[in-house]
C-alpha atoms as a PDB file:
ATOM      1  CA  MET A   1     124.115  91.917 185.682  1.00  0.00           C
ATOM      2  CA  ALA A   2     122.454  88.747 184.341  1.00  0.00           C
ATOM      3  CA  ASN A   3     124.608  86.122 182.508  1.00  0.00           C
ATOM      4  CA  PRO A   4     124.609  86.088 178.667  1.00  0.00           C
ATOM      5  CA  ASP A   5     121.778  83.506 178.509  1.00  0.00           C
ATOM      6  CA  GLN A   6     119.589  85.304 180.955  1.00  0.00           C
ATOM      7  CA  LYS A   7     120.305  88.506 179.196  1.00  0.00           C
ATOM      8  CA  THR A   8     119.167  86.974 175.812  1.00  0.00           C
ATOM      9  CA  ILE A   9     115.932  85.659 177.485  1.00  0.00           C
ATOM     10  CA  LEU A  10     115.208  89.026 179.126  1.00  0.00           C
ATOM     11  CA  LEU A  11     115.768  90.909 175.761  1.00  0.00           C
ATOM     12  CA  GLU A  12     113.378  88.537 174.009  1.00  0.00           C
ATOM     13  CA  GLN A  13     110.703  88.996 176.734  1.00  0.00           C
ATOM     14  CA  ALA A  14     111.108  92.654 176.548  1.00  0.00           C
ATOM     15  CA  TYR A  15     110.723  92.603 172.641  1.00  0.00           C
ATOM     16  CA  ASP A  16     107.648  90.405 172.948  1.00  0.00           C
ATOM     17  CA  GLU A  17     106.080  92.686 175.537  1.00  0.00           C
ATOM     18  CA  LEU A  18     106.793  95.842 173.647  1.00  0.00           C
ATOM     19  CA  LYS A  19     105.437  94.416 170.479  1.00  0.00           C
ATOM     20  CA  ALA A  20     102.222  93.584 172.264  1.00  0.00           C
ATOM     21  CA  ILE A  21     102.064  97.002 173.800  1.00  0.00           C
ATOM     22  CA  CYS A  22     102.557  98.586 170.403  1.00  0.00           C
ATOM     23  CA  THR A  23      99.920  96.274 168.858  1.00  0.00           C
ATOM     24  CA  LYS A  24      97.388  97.017 171.523  1.00  0.00           C
ATOM     25  CA  PHE A  25      98.110 100.831 171.299  1.00  0.00           C
ATOM     26  CA  GLN A  26      97.690 100.711 167.465  1.00  0.00           C
ATOM     27  CA  ASP A  27      94.413  98.796 167.601  1.00  0.00           C
ATOM     28  CA  GLN A  28      92.956 101.078 170.311  1.00  0.00           C
ATOM     29  CA  SER A  29      94.173 104.367 168.782  1.00  0.00           C
ATOM     30  CA  GLY A  30      94.030 103.717 165.138  1.00  0.00           C
ATOM     31  CA  ALA A  31      97.543 104.845 164.801  1.00  0.00           C
ATOM     32  CA  THR A  32      99.367 103.934 161.537  1.00  0.00           C
ATOM     33  CA  ASP A  33     102.460 101.742 161.365  1.00  0.00           C
ATOM     34  CA  MET A  34     104.529 104.929 160.671  1.00  0.00           C
ATOM     35  CA  GLU A  35     103.091 106.718 163.794  1.00  0.00           C
ATOM     36  CA  VAL A  36     104.006 103.665 165.959  1.00  0.00           C
ATOM     37  CA  LYS A  37     107.493 103.651 164.539  1.00  0.00           C
ATOM     38  CA  THR A  38     107.911 107.279 165.092  1.00  0.00           C
ATOM     39  CA  LEU A  39     106.716 106.920 168.758  1.00  0.00           C
ATOM     40  CA  LEU A  40     109.355 104.239 169.205  1.00  0.00           C
ATOM     41  CA  ARG A  41     112.140 106.226 167.676  1.00  0.00           C
ATOM     42  CA  GLU A  42     111.223 109.160 170.036  1.00  0.00           C
ATOM     43  CA  LEU A  43     111.300 106.914 172.941  1.00  0.00           C
ATOM     44  CA  ALA A  44     114.640 105.438 171.810  1.00  0.00           C
ATOM     45  CA  ARG A  45     116.031 109.021 171.610  1.00  0.00           C
ATOM     46  CA  VAL A  46     115.147 109.674 175.272  1.00  0.00           C
ATOM     47  CA  TYR A  47     117.237 106.749 176.293  1.00  0.00           C
ATOM     48  CA  GLU A  48     119.956 107.445 173.815  1.00  0.00           C
ATOM     49  CA  LYS A  49     120.587 110.768 175.547  1.00  0.00           C
ATOM     50  CA  ASP A  50     121.112 108.975 178.856  1.00  0.00           C
ATOM     51  CA  ILE A  51     123.764 106.484 177.700  1.00  0.00           C
ATOM     52  CA  ASP A  52     127.256 107.272 178.597  1.00  0.00           C
ATOM     53  CA  ASP A  53     129.696 106.971 175.646  1.00  0.00           C
ATOM     54  CA  ASN A  54     131.683 104.396 177.421  1.00  0.00           C
ATOM     55  CA  TYR A  55     128.656 102.138 177.959  1.00  0.00           C
ATOM     56  CA  ASP A  56     128.757  99.241 175.441  1.00  0.00           C
ATOM     57  CA  ILE A  57     125.360  97.794 174.430  1.00  0.00           C
ATOM     58  CA  ASP A  58     125.161  94.512 172.515  1.00  0.00           C
ATOM     59  CA  TRP A  59     121.757  94.530 170.792  1.00  0.00           C
ATOM     60  CA  GLU A  60     122.480  91.123 169.217  1.00  0.00           C
ATOM     61  CA  VAL A  61     119.963  88.508 170.363  1.00  0.00           C
END
């Protein structure tokens, strides 16, 4: 696992990349903000099902 500083950098990079993907998707599809948010929530639910209860996630960046 990356050290805390590397983890923070990777999370920030992932955020920036996901934001760019969502913006491009919205521009190309004409999706509303709510549709993009709904898509992201659905994707989060897929990963939520795979996370073990004992796995601790620190979302703070």
